[in-house]
């Protein structure tokens, strides 16, 4: 339901454009920075799909995110509780990951509680990337 907190044990994914990746292909902090007028960082709730494995979840994210998937882009996977804990321990921000479903993307969610100029928070979130997948199926 809109505005519900995602469980700490669950996972989210973030589409990371090629220009936001480091030389080694891993997401950098710019992958997790808000644009000036954004209220939250858009992500997808992987457990929402109730699928048997991560690969099936990522396939479903590719279908619903409504973006043109660039060939060298990545989909980063992060643990909700890991993000909240790392940011809380290392900054003055208290984040929340809330369900923000959209008509064509029922898994859409958002990381709330920071601003576009919060470079430290974006760095901390980037440090919590657990897995990455090609944005386009290879």
Protein backbone atom coordinates (compact mmCIF):
# COMPACT_ATOMS: atom_id res chain seq x y z
CA UNK A 1 0.00 0.00 0.00
CA UNK A 2 1.25 3.49 -0.83
CA UNK A 3 3.44 4.90 1.91
CA UNK A 4 4.05 1.60 3.72
CA UNK A 5 7.59 0.97 4.91
CA UNK A 6 9.41 -1.85 3.20
CA UNK A 7 10.66 -4.60 5.55
CA UNK A 8 14.32 -4.30 6.56
CA UNK A 9 15.09 -7.81 5.29
CA UNK A 10 13.76 -7.04 1.79
CA UNK A 11 15.69 -5.74 -1.21
CA UNK A 12 15.37 -2.90 -3.68
CA UNK A 13 16.88 -2.26 -7.07
CA UNK A 14 18.02 0.95 -8.73
CA UNK A 15 18.53 1.51 -12.45
CA UNK A 16 21.99 3.06 -12.83
CA UNK A 17 22.70 4.92 -16.06
CA UNK A 18 26.10 4.32 -17.66
CA UNK A 19 27.35 7.84 -16.88
CA UNK A 20 26.79 7.17 -13.15
CA UNK A 21 28.98 4.05 -13.10
CA UNK A 22 32.60 3.90 -12.00
CA UNK A 23 35.31 2.70 -14.39
CA UNK A 24 34.91 -0.84 -13.02
CA UNK A 25 31.18 -0.77 -13.85
CA UNK A 26 30.00 -0.46 -10.27
CA UNK A 27 27.47 2.24 -9.33
CA UNK A 28 28.97 5.42 -7.91
CA UNK A 29 27.32 7.89 -5.57
CA UNK A 30 25.88 9.74 -8.57
CA UNK A 31 23.68 6.68 -9.15
CA UNK A 32 21.97 7.49 -5.85
CA UNK A 33 21.83 11.29 -5.93
CA UNK A 34 18.49 13.03 -6.12
CA UNK A 35 17.75 15.62 -8.75
CA UNK A 36 17.04 19.06 -7.23
CA UNK A 37 13.23 18.79 -7.30
CA UNK A 38 12.90 15.08 -6.48
CA UNK A 39 11.29 14.19 -3.17
CA UNK A 40 12.73 10.68 -3.06
CA UNK A 41 15.00 8.31 -4.96
CA UNK A 42 13.06 5.92 -7.19
CA UNK A 43 13.73 2.22 -6.68
CA UNK A 44 11.87 -1.06 -7.15
CA UNK A 45 10.89 -3.44 -4.35
CA UNK A 46 12.07 -6.88 -5.42
CA UNK A 47 10.09 -9.02 -2.97
CA UNK A 48 6.88 -7.32 -4.16
CA UNK A 49 6.86 -9.68 -7.15
CA UNK A 50 6.83 -12.85 -4.99
CA UNK A 51 9.08 -14.64 -7.48
CA UNK A 52 11.33 -17.65 -6.73
CA UNK A 53 14.75 -16.06 -7.30
CA UNK A 54 16.70 -12.88 -7.94
CA UNK A 55 17.02 -13.44 -11.69
CA UNK A 56 13.21 -13.62 -12.03
CA UNK A 57 12.86 -10.45 -9.94
CA UNK A 58 15.36 -8.57 -12.12
CA UNK A 59 13.59 -9.76 -15.28
CA UNK A 60 10.34 -8.35 -13.91
CA UNK A 61 11.99 -5.03 -12.98
CA UNK A 62 13.25 -4.73 -16.56
CA UNK A 63 9.64 -5.08 -17.73
CA UNK A 64 8.04 -2.53 -15.42
CA UNK A 65 10.47 0.35 -14.94
CA UNK A 66 9.35 2.16 -18.07
CA UNK A 67 12.80 3.33 -19.14
CA UNK A 68 14.82 2.72 -22.25
CA UNK A 69 17.42 0.32 -20.89
CA UNK A 70 20.86 1.38 -22.06
CA UNK A 71 23.26 -1.37 -23.12
CA UNK A 72 25.92 -0.61 -20.50
CA UNK A 73 23.58 0.42 -17.67
CA UNK A 74 23.29 -1.67 -14.50
CA UNK A 75 20.60 -2.62 -12.07
CA UNK A 76 21.96 -2.42 -8.53
CA UNK A 77 20.47 -4.48 -5.69
CA UNK A 78 20.56 -3.24 -2.11
CA UNK A 79 19.18 -4.47 1.21
CA UNK A 80 16.66 -2.09 2.81
CA UNK A 81 17.90 -2.55 6.39
CA UNK A 82 21.53 -2.26 5.31
CA UNK A 83 20.89 1.15 3.75
CA UNK A 84 18.94 2.45 6.74
CA UNK A 85 21.54 1.23 9.24
CA UNK A 86 24.62 2.49 7.36
CA UNK A 87 23.15 5.95 6.80
CA UNK A 88 21.90 6.23 10.39
CA UNK A 89 25.31 5.22 11.82
CA UNK A 90 27.33 7.54 9.58
CA UNK A 91 25.26 10.70 9.11
CA UNK A 92 22.58 12.83 10.71
CA UNK A 93 19.93 11.54 8.26
CA UNK A 94 17.20 9.05 9.07
CA UNK A 95 15.95 7.44 5.88
CA UNK A 96 12.78 5.52 5.13
CA UNK A 97 12.14 3.22 2.18
CA UNK A 98 8.45 3.49 1.31
CA UNK A 99 6.21 1.78 -1.22
CA UNK A 100 5.26 4.30 -3.95
CA UNK A 101 3.37 2.18 -6.51
CA UNK A 102 2.59 3.57 -9.95
CA UNK A 103 -0.05 2.39 -12.39
CA UNK A 104 2.38 0.51 -14.65
CA UNK A 105 4.94 -0.23 -11.94
CA UNK A 106 3.35 -1.64 -8.77
CA UNK A 107 6.78 -2.37 -7.23
CA UNK A 108 7.89 1.28 -7.46
CA UNK A 109 9.21 2.54 -4.14
CA UNK A 110 11.32 5.40 -2.85
CA UNK A 111 14.17 6.18 -0.50
CA UNK A 112 13.01 9.21 1.52
CA UNK A 113 14.81 11.45 3.96
CA UNK A 114 17.64 13.15 2.12
CA UNK A 115 18.19 15.97 -0.36
CA UNK A 116 19.97 16.36 -3.67
CA UNK A 117 23.00 17.98 -2.03
CA UNK A 118 23.54 15.10 0.43
CA UNK A 119 26.65 13.63 -1.19
CA UNK A 120 27.54 11.68 1.96
CA UNK A 121 24.18 9.89 1.96
CA UNK A 122 24.55 9.00 -1.72
CA UNK A 123 28.04 7.64 -0.97
CA UNK A 124 26.74 5.56 1.92
CA UNK A 125 23.93 4.11 -0.18
CA UNK A 126 26.39 3.24 -2.97
CA UNK A 127 28.51 1.35 -0.42
CA UNK A 128 25.52 -0.90 0.27
CA UNK A 129 25.21 -2.26 -3.28
CA UNK A 130 25.10 -6.05 -2.85
CA UNK A 131 24.74 -7.19 -6.46
CA UNK A 132 24.61 -5.71 -9.96
CA UNK A 133 22.99 -7.00 -13.14
CA UNK A 134 23.09 -5.78 -16.72
CA UNK A 135 20.09 -3.51 -17.30
CA UNK A 136 19.52 -5.25 -20.64
CA UNK A 137 19.24 -8.99 -20.69
CA UNK A 138 22.36 -10.40 -22.33
